[in-house]
Amino acid sequence: MSRIQTVFQRLQADGRKALIPFITAGFPEPALTLPLMHALVEGGADVIELGVPFSDPMADGPTIQRASECALAQGMSLRKLLGIVRSFRAEDDDTPVVLMGYANPIEAMGTDAFVAEARAAGVDGVLVVDYPPEECVSFARAAKAAGLDPIFLLAPTSTEQRFADVAAAGSGYIYYVSLKGVTGSGKLDINEVARRIPRIRAAVGMPVGVGFGIRDAESARRIGAVADAVVIGSRVIEEIEQSPRDEAAARVTAFMRGIREALDAIEPATGVKS
């Protein structure tokens, strides 16, 4: 059983929801990524999504785009990111790390080399935005064989066939994109998310995390009431962006604690409370 699966199993047994924050590796500077990862855990993160900076993203809003541009300008690369994960794993053997990004850096490294090096570094899962499940069967198979969970996106427009493809290729958890748009945009329709989650969970047989549009403790609480996990990215990046660099880790921990407390206050329920 992978670290990711172990975490979700433990949380389910405890009646708790997973908190999955996203940060961009190398932002605001490469030396701060490792301290920020530990700050996320200190604040209550159950899984860390670590963004692989890329110059031409298709799903990231302006906040994460700025973070990627900043990281790339300072020389952050996929190989350097894996070195950071290796350092993190030397100090934290429990918190799962998922790499989230795009196909180009992986293809440039070579998929076989990436899978081997990611596993050796201590990565637990990989979410490649532009690897649709029906087109990356061999990659998903290789990842699973190496002990990496291939994680896929589902959206409000996803079809029953896409549900089936994701169920066959994926493992770990599903990332449900709650909005039609890029990260950090739009307004959440909590009731619409609540209607879709049970259907998705039944179709894919995995925990469902919801991201895009979650900005604060209240939106996290409402999403957590119906999902298995809450994914929060742009708002964490903004907290880092607005902090003096010597205060960024402490401010991230404080922000995360507020979200964690909101999720832990959720009472078991079948519906959505407004």
Protein backbone atom coordinates (compact mmCIF):
# COMPACT_ATOMS: atom_id res chain seq x y z
CA MET A 1 0.00 0.00 0.00
CA SER A 2 1.38 3.41 -0.98
CA ARG A 3 1.88 6.31 1.44
CA ILE A 4 -1.04 8.08 -0.23
CA GLN A 5 -3.37 5.12 0.21
CA THR A 6 -2.21 4.67 3.80
CA VAL A 7 -2.96 8.32 4.61
CA PHE A 8 -6.46 8.19 3.15
CA GLN A 9 -7.21 4.91 4.91
CA ARG A 10 -6.12 6.37 8.25
CA LEU A 11 -8.11 9.57 7.77
CA GLN A 12 -11.21 7.65 6.77
CA ALA A 13 -10.92 5.49 9.88
CA ASP A 14 -10.64 8.66 11.98
CA GLY A 15 -13.54 10.39 10.21
CA ARG A 16 -11.27 13.21 9.00
CA LYS A 17 -10.68 14.88 5.64
CA ALA A 18 -7.36 15.19 3.84
CA LEU A 19 -5.75 18.59 3.44
CA ILE A 20 -3.63 18.79 0.28
CA PRO A 21 -1.81 22.09 -0.27
CA PHE A 22 0.08 22.96 -3.46
CA ILE A 23 3.26 25.00 -3.73
CA THR A 24 5.53 25.62 -6.71
CA ALA A 25 9.04 24.21 -6.33
CA GLY A 26 11.60 27.00 -6.44
CA PHE A 27 9.22 29.80 -5.48
CA PRO A 28 9.98 32.34 -4.14
CA GLU A 29 13.51 30.93 -4.23
CA PRO A 30 14.84 27.36 -4.40
CA ALA A 31 16.31 27.47 -0.89
CA LEU A 32 12.86 28.10 0.62
CA THR A 33 11.07 25.11 -0.93
CA LEU A 34 12.22 22.59 1.67
CA PRO A 35 11.35 24.82 4.67
CA LEU A 36 7.96 25.55 3.09
CA MET A 37 7.25 21.84 2.68
CA HIS A 38 7.95 21.30 6.37
CA ALA A 39 5.82 24.35 7.20
CA LEU A 40 2.89 22.83 5.32
CA VAL A 41 3.18 19.63 7.34
CA GLU A 42 3.46 21.58 10.59
CA GLY A 43 0.24 23.38 9.62
CA GLY A 44 -1.65 20.15 9.10
CA ALA A 45 -1.04 19.01 5.53
CA ASP A 46 -1.72 15.34 4.88
CA VAL A 47 -0.31 15.26 1.33
CA ILE A 48 1.86 17.85 -0.44
CA GLU A 49 1.39 18.63 -4.12
CA LEU A 50 4.67 20.05 -5.38
CA GLY A 51 4.40 21.96 -8.63
CA VAL A 52 6.96 21.38 -11.38
CA PRO A 53 7.54 24.83 -12.91
CA PHE A 54 6.71 25.01 -16.60
CA SER A 55 6.82 27.90 -19.04
CA ASP A 56 3.58 27.19 -20.92
CA PRO A 57 0.90 25.96 -18.49
CA MET A 58 -2.66 25.37 -19.63
CA ALA A 59 -4.52 24.99 -16.34
CA ASP A 60 -2.74 27.44 -14.05
CA GLY A 61 -4.10 30.89 -13.32
CA PRO A 62 -1.96 34.03 -13.02
CA THR A 63 -0.84 33.40 -9.43
CA ILE A 64 0.72 30.01 -10.13
CA GLN A 65 2.02 31.21 -13.50
CA ARG A 66 3.92 33.99 -11.71
CA ALA A 67 5.34 31.47 -9.26
CA SER A 68 6.51 29.21 -12.09
CA GLU A 69 8.12 32.08 -13.97
CA CYS A 70 9.94 33.16 -10.82
CA ALA A 71 11.16 29.62 -10.13
CA LEU A 72 12.34 29.05 -13.70
CA ALA A 73 14.18 32.37 -13.70
CA GLN A 74 16.16 31.10 -10.71
CA GLY A 75 17.11 27.87 -12.43
CA MET A 76 14.59 25.47 -10.92
CA SER A 77 14.33 22.25 -12.91
CA LEU A 78 12.76 18.83 -12.55
CA ARG A 79 16.07 17.30 -11.47
CA LYS A 80 16.62 19.98 -8.84
CA LEU A 81 13.06 19.45 -7.62
CA LEU A 82 13.77 15.75 -7.17
CA GLY A 83 16.80 16.68 -5.09
CA ILE A 84 14.55 18.76 -2.82
CA VAL A 85 12.15 15.83 -2.43
CA ARG A 86 15.09 13.61 -1.52
CA SER A 87 16.10 16.07 1.20
CA PHE A 88 12.53 16.27 2.47
CA ARG A 89 12.24 12.50 2.58
CA ALA A 90 15.39 12.25 4.67
CA GLU A 91 13.57 14.20 7.39
CA ASP A 92 9.95 13.15 6.82
CA ASP A 93 9.24 9.56 5.91
CA ASP A 94 5.46 9.80 6.34
CA THR A 95 3.98 12.71 4.36
CA PRO A 96 3.19 11.78 0.75
CA VAL A 97 4.55 14.03 -2.00
CA VAL A 98 2.78 14.31 -5.35
CA LEU A 99 4.45 16.04 -8.29
CA MET A 100 2.00 18.13 -10.30
CA GLY A 101 2.91 19.56 -13.67
CA TYR A 102 3.02 19.04 -17.42
CA ALA A 103 4.34 16.43 -19.82
CA ASN A 104 7.18 18.43 -21.38
CA PRO A 105 9.72 18.22 -18.50
CA ILE A 106 8.98 14.52 -18.07
CA GLU A 107 9.31 13.80 -21.78
CA ALA A 108 12.57 15.78 -21.85
CA MET A 109 13.97 13.61 -19.05
CA GLY A 110 12.50 10.44 -20.55
CA THR A 111 9.51 8.75 -18.98
CA ASP A 112 11.39 5.68 -17.80
CA ALA A 113 14.16 7.77 -16.26
CA PHE A 114 11.60 10.05 -14.62
CA VAL A 115 9.70 7.18 -13.03
CA ALA A 116 12.89 5.62 -11.70
CA GLU A 117 14.36 8.88 -10.40
CA ALA A 118 11.10 10.07 -8.88
CA ARG A 119 10.68 6.83 -7.00
CA ALA A 120 14.29 6.89 -5.81
CA ALA A 121 13.83 10.44 -4.55
CA GLY A 122 10.79 9.48 -2.47
CA VAL A 123 7.96 10.80 -4.65
CA ASP A 124 4.64 9.04 -4.04
CA GLY A 125 2.42 10.19 -6.89
CA VAL A 126 2.38 12.17 -10.10
CA LEU A 127 -0.33 14.28 -11.69
CA VAL A 128 0.47 15.31 -15.26
CA VAL A 129 -2.17 17.76 -16.43
CA ASP A 130 -1.73 17.03 -20.14
CA TYR A 131 -1.51 13.24 -19.84
CA PRO A 132 -5.12 12.14 -20.38
CA PRO A 133 -5.65 8.61 -19.03
CA GLU A 134 -6.56 7.06 -22.36
CA GLU A 135 -3.30 8.30 -23.90
CA CYS A 136 -0.81 7.39 -21.18
CA VAL A 137 -1.62 3.79 -20.37
CA SER A 138 2.03 2.70 -20.56
CA PHE A 139 3.19 5.60 -18.36
CA ALA A 140 0.52 4.88 -15.75
CA ARG A 141 1.43 1.19 -15.79
CA ALA A 142 5.13 1.98 -15.33
CA ALA A 143 4.36 4.41 -12.50
CA LYS A 144 2.25 1.84 -10.67
CA ALA A 145 4.91 -0.82 -11.12
CA ALA A 146 7.42 1.51 -9.49
CA GLY A 147 5.10 2.28 -6.57
CA LEU A 148 3.97 5.71 -7.79
CA ASP A 149 0.28 6.60 -7.84
CA PRO A 150 -0.76 8.13 -11.18
CA ILE A 151 -3.36 10.76 -10.29
CA PHE A 152 -5.79 12.19 -12.82
CA LEU A 153 -8.09 15.17 -13.15
CA LEU A 154 -11.83 15.02 -13.58
CA ALA A 155 -13.95 18.07 -14.37
CA PRO A 156 -17.61 19.10 -14.51
CA THR A 157 -17.52 18.23 -18.22
CA SER A 158 -16.02 14.73 -17.79
CA THR A 159 -17.94 11.90 -19.42
CA GLU A 160 -18.76 8.41 -18.16
CA GLN A 161 -16.04 7.10 -20.48
CA ARG A 162 -13.49 9.41 -18.86
CA PHE A 163 -14.59 8.13 -15.44
CA ALA A 164 -13.91 4.60 -16.64
CA ASP A 165 -10.53 5.52 -18.13
CA VAL A 166 -9.45 7.23 -14.91
CA ALA A 167 -10.63 4.30 -12.80
CA ALA A 168 -8.53 1.93 -14.93
CA ALA A 169 -5.36 4.03 -15.12
CA GLY A 170 -5.32 5.93 -11.83
CA SER A 171 -4.64 5.18 -8.19
CA GLY A 172 -4.25 7.09 -4.94
CA TYR A 173 -6.98 9.72 -5.33
CA ILE A 174 -8.84 11.73 -7.94
CA TYR A 175 -8.41 15.47 -8.33
CA TYR A 176 -11.81 16.94 -9.18
CA VAL A 177 -11.59 20.37 -10.79
CA SER A 178 -14.59 22.18 -9.36
CA LEU A 179 -14.64 25.03 -11.88
CA LYS A 180 -14.56 25.50 -15.63
CA GLY A 181 -11.43 27.60 -15.86
CA VAL A 182 -7.91 27.94 -14.51
CA THR A 183 -6.64 27.72 -10.94
CA GLY A 184 -7.68 30.52 -8.63
CA SER A 185 -10.59 31.63 -10.81
CA GLY A 186 -14.35 31.64 -10.57
CA LYS A 187 -16.84 31.10 -7.79
CA LEU A 188 -17.52 27.73 -6.27
CA ASP A 189 -20.96 26.20 -6.61
CA ILE A 190 -20.81 23.97 -3.54
CA ASN A 191 -24.15 22.31 -4.18
CA GLU A 192 -23.14 21.36 -7.72
CA VAL A 193 -19.92 19.83 -6.38
CA ALA A 194 -21.95 17.96 -3.76
CA ARG A 195 -24.18 16.47 -6.44
CA ARG A 196 -21.24 15.23 -8.50
CA ILE A 197 -18.92 13.80 -5.84
CA PRO A 198 -20.93 10.65 -4.94
CA ARG A 199 -21.25 9.74 -8.62
CA ILE A 200 -17.53 10.21 -9.22
CA ARG A 201 -16.55 8.31 -6.08
CA ALA A 202 -18.79 5.39 -7.05
CA ALA A 203 -17.45 5.33 -10.61
CA VAL A 204 -13.72 5.49 -9.85
CA GLY A 205 -13.51 3.68 -6.51
CA MET A 206 -10.97 6.14 -5.09
CA PRO A 207 -11.04 9.09 -2.70
CA VAL A 208 -11.97 12.37 -4.37
CA GLY A 209 -10.12 15.60 -3.66
CA VAL A 210 -11.59 18.89 -4.83
CA GLY A 211 -9.52 21.86 -5.95
CA PHE A 212 -9.74 25.17 -7.86
CA GLY A 213 -11.55 28.04 -6.15
CA ILE A 214 -10.94 27.13 -2.49
CA ARG A 215 -9.74 30.31 -0.84
CA ASP A 216 -10.35 30.18 2.90
CA ALA A 217 -11.44 28.12 5.88
CA GLU A 218 -15.14 28.49 5.09
CA SER A 219 -14.91 27.31 1.49
CA ALA A 220 -12.61 24.49 2.62
CA ARG A 221 -15.13 23.46 5.29
CA ARG A 222 -18.01 23.38 2.84
CA ILE A 223 -16.07 21.38 0.27
CA GLY A 224 -14.70 19.07 2.95
CA ALA A 225 -18.25 18.27 4.03
CA VAL A 226 -18.82 16.45 0.72
CA ALA A 227 -15.33 15.49 -0.54
CA ASP A 228 -12.60 13.25 0.82
CA ALA A 229 -9.92 15.91 0.45
CA VAL A 230 -9.51 19.64 -0.10
CA VAL A 231 -6.79 20.86 -2.45
CA ILE A 232 -5.67 24.46 -2.05
CA GLY A 233 -2.98 26.07 -4.19
CA SER A 234 -3.30 29.63 -5.46
CA ARG A 235 -4.20 30.96 -2.02
CA VAL A 236 -1.10 29.32 -0.48
CA ILE A 237 1.07 30.82 -3.21
CA GLU A 238 -0.45 34.23 -2.49
CA GLU A 239 0.40 33.87 1.19
CA ILE A 240 4.02 33.16 0.24
CA GLU A 241 4.03 35.98 -2.33
CA GLN A 242 2.81 38.53 0.21
CA SER A 243 5.20 37.49 2.98
CA PRO A 244 8.73 38.71 3.69
CA ARG A 245 10.92 35.76 2.83
CA ASP A 246 12.06 35.25 6.40
CA GLU A 247 8.41 35.04 7.51
CA ALA A 248 6.99 32.95 4.66
CA ALA A 249 7.25 29.55 6.37
CA ALA A 250 5.65 30.77 9.61
CA ARG A 251 2.82 32.51 7.76
CA VAL A 252 2.14 29.41 5.66
CA THR A 253 1.96 27.28 8.79
CA ALA A 254 -0.49 29.73 10.40
CA PHE A 255 -2.67 29.85 7.28
CA MET A 256 -2.71 26.07 7.01
CA ARG A 257 -3.71 25.67 10.65
CA GLY A 258 -6.84 27.71 10.01
CA ILE A 259 -7.81 25.42 7.14
CA ARG A 260 -6.98 22.32 9.17
CA GLU A 261 -9.14 23.46 12.07
CA ALA A 262 -12.05 24.10 9.72
CA LEU A 263 -11.78 20.61 8.23
CA ASP A 264 -11.47 18.96 11.63
CA ALA A 265 -14.64 20.75 12.77
CA ILE A 266 -16.72 19.04 10.08
CA GLU A 267 -19.35 16.71 11.48
CA PRO A 268 -20.26 13.60 9.49
CA ALA A 269 -23.12 14.54 7.18
CA THR A 270 -24.73 13.49 3.93
CA GLY A 271 -25.75 16.90 2.70
CA VAL A 272 -24.39 20.41 2.35
CA LYS A 273 -24.99 23.07 4.93
CA SER A 274 -25.03 26.65 3.74
